[in-house]
Amino acid sequence: MASRPMKKNSANINVKLFPYCEVDGIKTFRDSEILGFYDRMAKAGTADIVFTDGKINNREDWLRAMKSPENFLYVVCVGQETVALVWLNRVETKKARFHYCGFFKCWKMGSVKIGRQILDILMSKKNPDGSYLFDMLTGLTPSSNKTAVKYMQLCGWKIIGELPFGTWNEKAKRSDPALVSYYARREV
């Protein structure tokens, strides 16, 4: 496959990612703010779509998950507006599993441009030695979530196949098909 050049974060939408982490003993976001993000997802109906496996069922589960050292949450802003959340987990050497949830303002402002900029920002992060932090992000999306599948493809994700029992559906109490996808900093 041909190499894909890195896009510069120079589009007309100024996307910024703010990590949820501890700096000098102080969290960058209060618990009430993290809980508020879940409340926004629940009110919009996206919590039920994003969290189908039964591990996050309420705001307390969400807060506990985002405080876990296995999850790396970023709050995505355009100007003063929070437009999305992304979080990474299952980090291994140069790859991580990617998750996201966009808020209504994101869609109004140009969700695909925002999504592409989020990915460009994450893929341009570097280690202290100057090497890239990630070569690839991976995704596992319920095959039935056609909106998410279309969106991720518009943002540049590549689908590599379907796992017949790839994701757990807690409400239906069964395993459902899931699409395996990736986003590479450069294709090899």
C-alpha atoms as a PDB file:
ATOM      1  CA  MET A   1       0.000   0.000   0.000  1.00  0.00           C
ATOM      2  CA  ALA A   2       1.138   3.539  -0.655  1.00  0.00           C
ATOM      3  CA  SER A   3       2.129   5.873   2.148  1.00  0.00           C
ATOM      4  CA  ARG A   4      -0.407   8.441   3.165  1.00  0.00           C
ATOM      5  CA  PRO A   5       1.110  11.819   4.005  1.00  0.00           C
ATOM      6  CA  MET A   6       0.275  13.332   7.380  1.00  0.00           C
ATOM      7  CA  LYS A   7      -2.289  16.080   7.122  1.00  0.00           C
ATOM      8  CA  LYS A   8      -1.477  19.282   8.886  1.00  0.00           C
ATOM      9  CA  ASN A   9      -3.955  20.472  11.501  1.00  0.00           C
ATOM     10  CA  SER A  10      -4.554  23.611   9.443  1.00  0.00           C
ATOM     11  CA  ALA A  11      -8.190  23.230   8.376  1.00  0.00           C
ATOM     12  CA  ASN A  12     -10.560  26.019   9.289  1.00  0.00           C
ATOM     13  CA  ILE A  13     -11.745  24.220  12.457  1.00  0.00           C
ATOM     14  CA  ASN A  14      -9.387  24.690  15.419  1.00  0.00           C
ATOM     15  CA  VAL A  15      -9.664  21.363  17.266  1.00  0.00           C
ATOM     16  CA  LYS A  16      -7.948  20.937  20.636  1.00  0.00           C
ATOM     17  CA  LEU A  17      -7.632  17.784  22.728  1.00  0.00           C
ATOM     18  CA  PHE A  18      -7.420  18.177  26.494  1.00  0.00           C
ATOM     19  CA  PRO A  19      -6.269  15.064  28.359  1.00  0.00           C
ATOM     20  CA  TYR A  20      -7.950  13.894  31.533  1.00  0.00           C
ATOM     21  CA  CYS A  21      -4.905  13.347  33.687  1.00  0.00           C
ATOM     22  CA  GLU A  22      -3.169  14.443  36.833  1.00  0.00           C
ATOM     23  CA  VAL A  23      -0.766  17.381  36.721  1.00  0.00           C
ATOM     24  CA  ASP A  24       1.173  18.107  39.894  1.00  0.00           C
ATOM     25  CA  GLY A  25      -1.360  16.136  41.928  1.00  0.00           C
ATOM     26  CA  ILE A  26      -4.432  17.873  40.469  1.00  0.00           C
ATOM     27  CA  LYS A  27      -6.819  16.309  37.929  1.00  0.00           C
ATOM     28  CA  THR A  28      -7.351  18.374  34.777  1.00  0.00           C
ATOM     29  CA  PHE A  29     -11.143  17.875  35.055  1.00  0.00           C
ATOM     30  CA  ARG A  30     -13.325  17.618  38.151  1.00  0.00           C
ATOM     31  CA  ASP A  31     -15.354  14.458  38.796  1.00  0.00           C
ATOM     32  CA  SER A  32     -18.518  16.510  38.261  1.00  0.00           C
ATOM     33  CA  GLU A  33     -17.313  17.475  34.762  1.00  0.00           C
ATOM     34  CA  ILE A  34     -16.550  13.860  33.805  1.00  0.00           C
ATOM     35  CA  LEU A  35     -19.961  12.812  35.164  1.00  0.00           C
ATOM     36  CA  GLY A  36     -21.522  15.665  33.182  1.00  0.00           C
ATOM     37  CA  PHE A  37     -20.080  14.249  29.966  1.00  0.00           C
ATOM     38  CA  TYR A  38     -21.828  10.953  30.658  1.00  0.00           C
ATOM     39  CA  ASP A  39     -25.049  12.840  31.404  1.00  0.00           C
ATOM     40  CA  ARG A  40     -24.772  14.532  27.986  1.00  0.00           C
ATOM     41  CA  MET A  41     -24.297  11.142  26.308  1.00  0.00           C
ATOM     42  CA  ALA A  42     -27.260   9.669  28.201  1.00  0.00           C
ATOM     43  CA  LYS A  43     -29.516  12.646  27.394  1.00  0.00           C
ATOM     44  CA  ALA A  44     -28.623  12.442  23.696  1.00  0.00           C
ATOM     45  CA  GLY A  45     -29.186   8.671  23.642  1.00  0.00           C
ATOM     46  CA  THR A  46     -25.602   7.925  22.633  1.00  0.00           C
ATOM     47  CA  ALA A  47     -24.597   6.210  25.891  1.00  0.00           C
ATOM     48  CA  ASP A  48     -26.754   3.210  24.956  1.00  0.00           C
ATOM     49  CA  ILE A  49     -25.127   3.101  21.515  1.00  0.00           C
ATOM     50  CA  VAL A  50     -21.523   3.542  22.674  1.00  0.00           C
ATOM     51  CA  PHE A  51     -21.670   1.271  25.725  1.00  0.00           C
ATOM     52  CA  THR A  52     -23.356  -1.932  24.560  1.00  0.00           C
ATOM     53  CA  ASP A  53     -21.202  -4.458  26.404  1.00  0.00           C
ATOM     54  CA  GLY A  54     -22.628  -3.797  29.869  1.00  0.00           C
ATOM     55  CA  LYS A  55     -19.390  -2.551  31.434  1.00  0.00           C
ATOM     56  CA  ILE A  56     -20.574   1.068  31.593  1.00  0.00           C
ATOM     57  CA  ASN A  57     -24.241   1.315  32.571  1.00  0.00           C
ATOM     58  CA  ASN A  58     -24.372   4.602  34.444  1.00  0.00           C
ATOM     59  CA  ARG A  59     -22.433   7.723  35.283  1.00  0.00           C
ATOM     60  CA  GLU A  60     -20.575   6.112  38.193  1.00  0.00           C
ATOM     61  CA  ASP A  61     -19.359   3.272  35.940  1.00  0.00           C
ATOM     62  CA  TRP A  62     -18.211   5.905  33.420  1.00  0.00           C
ATOM     63  CA  LEU A  63     -16.267   7.882  36.032  1.00  0.00           C
ATOM     64  CA  ARG A  64     -14.643   4.736  37.419  1.00  0.00           C
ATOM     65  CA  ALA A  65     -13.648   3.614  33.900  1.00  0.00           C
ATOM     66  CA  MET A  66     -12.165   6.997  32.971  1.00  0.00           C
ATOM     67  CA  LYS A  67     -10.168   7.100  36.226  1.00  0.00           C
ATOM     68  CA  SER A  68      -8.736   3.667  35.478  1.00  0.00           C
ATOM     69  CA  PRO A  69      -5.066   3.725  34.426  1.00  0.00           C
ATOM     70  CA  GLU A  70      -6.039   1.621  31.385  1.00  0.00           C
ATOM     71  CA  ASN A  71      -8.109   4.450  29.839  1.00  0.00           C
ATOM     72  CA  PHE A  72      -6.800   7.712  28.404  1.00  0.00           C
ATOM     73  CA  LEU A  73      -9.637  10.228  27.971  1.00  0.00           C
ATOM     74  CA  TYR A  74      -9.381  13.370  25.855  1.00  0.00           C
ATOM     75  CA  VAL A  75     -11.985  16.126  25.867  1.00  0.00           C
ATOM     76  CA  VAL A  76     -12.290  17.561  22.354  1.00  0.00           C
ATOM     77  CA  CYS A  77     -13.041  21.258  22.052  1.00  0.00           C
ATOM     78  CA  VAL A  78     -13.586  23.715  19.240  1.00  0.00           C
ATOM     79  CA  GLY A  79     -13.261  27.146  20.773  1.00  0.00           C
ATOM     80  CA  GLN A  80     -15.016  27.014  24.136  1.00  0.00           C
ATOM     81  CA  GLU A  81     -17.394  24.230  23.036  1.00  0.00           C
ATOM     82  CA  THR A  82     -16.889  20.585  24.021  1.00  0.00           C
ATOM     83  CA  VAL A  83     -17.787  18.731  20.827  1.00  0.00           C
ATOM     84  CA  ALA A  84     -16.626  15.171  21.486  1.00  0.00           C
ATOM     85  CA  LEU A  85     -14.833  12.760  23.763  1.00  0.00           C
ATOM     86  CA  VAL A  86     -12.239  10.215  22.678  1.00  0.00           C
ATOM     87  CA  TRP A  87     -10.510   7.639  24.797  1.00  0.00           C
ATOM     88  CA  LEU A  88      -7.787   5.145  24.173  1.00  0.00           C
ATOM     89  CA  ASN A  89      -7.169   1.837  25.907  1.00  0.00           C
ATOM     90  CA  ARG A  90      -5.498  -1.522  25.265  1.00  0.00           C
ATOM     91  CA  VAL A  91      -2.281   0.341  24.567  1.00  0.00           C
ATOM     92  CA  GLU A  92       0.475  -1.946  23.251  1.00  0.00           C
ATOM     93  CA  THR A  93       3.811  -0.563  22.108  1.00  0.00           C
ATOM     94  CA  LYS A  94       2.784   1.608  19.106  1.00  0.00           C
ATOM     95  CA  LYS A  95      -0.967   0.959  18.937  1.00  0.00           C
ATOM     96  CA  ALA A  96      -4.108   1.559  20.982  1.00  0.00           C
ATOM     97  CA  ARG A  97      -7.859   0.875  20.805  1.00  0.00           C
ATOM     98  CA  PHE A  98      -9.804   4.034  19.930  1.00  0.00           C
ATOM     99  CA  HIS A  99     -13.293   4.991  21.189  1.00  0.00           C
ATOM    100  CA  TYR A 100     -15.303   8.161  20.609  1.00  0.00           C
ATOM    101  CA  CYS A 101     -18.552   9.954  21.220  1.00  0.00           C
ATOM    102  CA  GLY A 102     -19.508  13.154  19.436  1.00  0.00           C
ATOM    103  CA  PHE A 103     -21.948  15.722  20.752  1.00  0.00           C
ATOM    104  CA  PHE A 104     -24.538  17.532  18.641  1.00  0.00           C
ATOM    105  CA  LYS A 105     -22.389  20.645  18.177  1.00  0.00           C
ATOM    106  CA  CYS A 106     -19.718  18.425  16.604  1.00  0.00           C
ATOM    107  CA  TRP A 107     -22.096  17.381  13.849  1.00  0.00           C
ATOM    108  CA  LYS A 108     -23.158  20.967  13.214  1.00  0.00           C
ATOM    109  CA  MET A 109     -19.555  22.209  13.031  1.00  0.00           C
ATOM    110  CA  GLY A 110     -18.328  19.568  10.575  1.00  0.00           C
ATOM    111  CA  SER A 111     -17.903  16.224  12.273  1.00  0.00           C
ATOM    112  CA  VAL A 112     -15.732  14.637   9.574  1.00  0.00           C
ATOM    113  CA  LYS A 113     -13.249  17.532   9.623  1.00  0.00           C
ATOM    114  CA  ILE A 114     -13.221  17.377  13.414  1.00  0.00           C
ATOM    115  CA  GLY A 115     -12.788  13.578  13.364  1.00  0.00           C
ATOM    116  CA  ARG A 116      -9.892  13.789  10.935  1.00  0.00           C
ATOM    117  CA  GLN A 117      -8.204  16.482  12.992  1.00  0.00           C
ATOM    118  CA  ILE A 118      -8.597  14.404  16.169  1.00  0.00           C
ATOM    119  CA  LEU A 119      -6.889  11.496  14.441  1.00  0.00           C
ATOM    120  CA  ASP A 120      -4.141  13.713  13.031  1.00  0.00           C
ATOM    121  CA  ILE A 121      -3.463  15.155  16.496  1.00  0.00           C
ATOM    122  CA  LEU A 122      -3.284  11.710  18.116  1.00  0.00           C
ATOM    123  CA  MET A 123      -1.110  10.271  15.363  1.00  0.00           C
ATOM    124  CA  SER A 124       1.338  13.198  15.509  1.00  0.00           C
ATOM    125  CA  LYS A 125       2.011  12.802  19.270  1.00  0.00           C
ATOM    126  CA  LYS A 126       5.639  11.983  20.003  1.00  0.00           C
ATOM    127  CA  ASN A 127       7.612  10.315  22.756  1.00  0.00           C
ATOM    128  CA  PRO A 128      10.367  12.251  24.566  1.00  0.00           C
ATOM    129  CA  ASP A 129      12.909  10.668  22.193  1.00  0.00           C
ATOM    130  CA  GLY A 130      11.106  12.179  19.177  1.00  0.00           C
ATOM    131  CA  SER A 131       9.582   8.921  17.907  1.00  0.00           C
ATOM    132  CA  TYR A 132       5.870   8.759  17.214  1.00  0.00           C
ATOM    133  CA  LEU A 133       3.756   7.531  20.099  1.00  0.00           C
ATOM    134  CA  PHE A 134       1.416   5.551  17.814  1.00  0.00           C
ATOM    135  CA  ASP A 135       1.724   3.934  14.422  1.00  0.00           C
ATOM    136  CA  MET A 136      -1.855   2.674  14.475  1.00  0.00           C
ATOM    137  CA  LEU A 137      -5.193   2.960  16.243  1.00  0.00           C
ATOM    138  CA  THR A 138      -7.632   0.052  16.162  1.00  0.00           C
ATOM    139  CA  GLY A 139     -11.383  -0.125  16.449  1.00  0.00           C
ATOM    140  CA  LEU A 140     -14.063  -2.719  17.056  1.00  0.00           C
ATOM    141  CA  THR A 141     -17.510  -1.499  16.013  1.00  0.00           C
ATOM    142  CA  PRO A 142     -20.799  -3.384  16.177  1.00  0.00           C
ATOM    143  CA  SER A 143     -21.637  -4.189  12.532  1.00  0.00           C
ATOM    144  CA  SER A 144     -25.204  -3.031  13.122  1.00  0.00           C
ATOM    145  CA  ASN A 145     -24.068   0.524  13.938  1.00  0.00           C
ATOM    146  CA  LYS A 146     -24.221   1.738  10.330  1.00  0.00           C
ATOM    147  CA  THR A 147     -23.878   5.415  11.304  1.00  0.00           C
ATOM    148  CA  ALA A 148     -20.597   4.810  13.149  1.00  0.00           C
ATOM    149  CA  VAL A 149     -19.279   2.615  10.326  1.00  0.00           C
ATOM    150  CA  LYS A 150     -19.993   5.272   7.692  1.00  0.00           C
ATOM    151  CA  TYR A 151     -18.527   8.038   9.863  1.00  0.00           C
ATOM    152  CA  MET A 152     -15.301   6.208  10.629  1.00  0.00           C
ATOM    153  CA  GLN A 153     -14.786   5.421   6.938  1.00  0.00           C
ATOM    154  CA  LEU A 154     -15.289   9.106   6.060  1.00  0.00           C
ATOM    155  CA  CYS A 155     -12.617   9.941   8.648  1.00  0.00           C
ATOM    156  CA  GLY A 156     -10.131   7.561   6.985  1.00  0.00           C
ATOM    157  CA  TRP A 157     -10.510   4.306   8.931  1.00  0.00           C
ATOM    158  CA  LYS A 158      -9.962   1.067   6.999  1.00  0.00           C
ATOM    159  CA  ILE A 159     -12.165  -1.946   7.706  1.00  0.00           C
ATOM    160  CA  ILE A 160     -10.221  -5.197   7.582  1.00  0.00           C
ATOM    161  CA  GLY A 161     -12.972  -7.675   8.368  1.00  0.00           C
ATOM    162  CA  GLU A 162     -15.834  -8.818  10.521  1.00  0.00           C
ATOM    163  CA  LEU A 163     -15.715 -10.988  13.630  1.00  0.00           C
ATOM    164  CA  PRO A 164     -18.939 -13.032  13.777  1.00  0.00           C
ATOM    165  CA  PHE A 165     -19.115 -12.789  17.588  1.00  0.00           C
ATOM    166  CA  GLY A 166     -16.905  -9.725  18.026  1.00  0.00           C
ATOM    167  CA  THR A 167     -18.856  -7.713  20.573  1.00  0.00           C
ATOM    168  CA  TRP A 168     -21.120  -8.436  23.500  1.00  0.00           C
ATOM    169  CA  ASN A 169     -24.639  -6.966  23.443  1.00  0.00           C
ATOM    170  CA  GLU A 170     -25.693  -6.798  27.087  1.00  0.00           C
ATOM    171  CA  LYS A 171     -29.330  -5.885  26.380  1.00  0.00           C
ATOM    172  CA  ALA A 172     -29.826  -8.804  23.989  1.00  0.00           C
ATOM    173  CA  LYS A 173     -27.581 -11.088  26.101  1.00  0.00           C
ATOM    174  CA  ARG A 174     -25.660 -12.326  23.062  1.00  0.00           C
ATOM    175  CA  SER A 175     -22.511 -11.823  21.042  1.00  0.00           C
ATOM    176  CA  ASP A 176     -23.004  -9.798  17.864  1.00  0.00           C
ATOM    177  CA  PRO A 177     -20.857  -9.287  14.749  1.00  0.00           C
ATOM    178  CA  ALA A 178     -18.280  -6.497  14.900  1.00  0.00           C
ATOM    179  CA  LEU A 179     -16.107  -4.811  12.299  1.00  0.00           C
ATOM    180  CA  VAL A 180     -12.372  -4.672  12.934  1.00  0.00           C
ATOM    181  CA  SER A 181     -10.813  -1.449  11.679  1.00  0.00           C
ATOM    182  CA  TYR A 182      -7.610   0.546  11.881  1.00  0.00           C
ATOM    183  CA  TYR A 183      -6.290   4.012  11.307  1.00  0.00           C
ATOM    184  CA  ALA A 184      -2.578   4.180  10.521  1.00  0.00           C
ATOM    185  CA  ARG A 185      -0.250   7.130  10.798  1.00  0.00           C
ATOM    186  CA  ARG A 186       1.239   5.729   7.644  1.00  0.00           C
ATOM    187  CA  GLU A 187       0.240   2.653   5.723  1.00  0.00           C
ATOM    188  CA  VAL A 188       2.856  -0.008   5.135  1.00  0.00           C
END
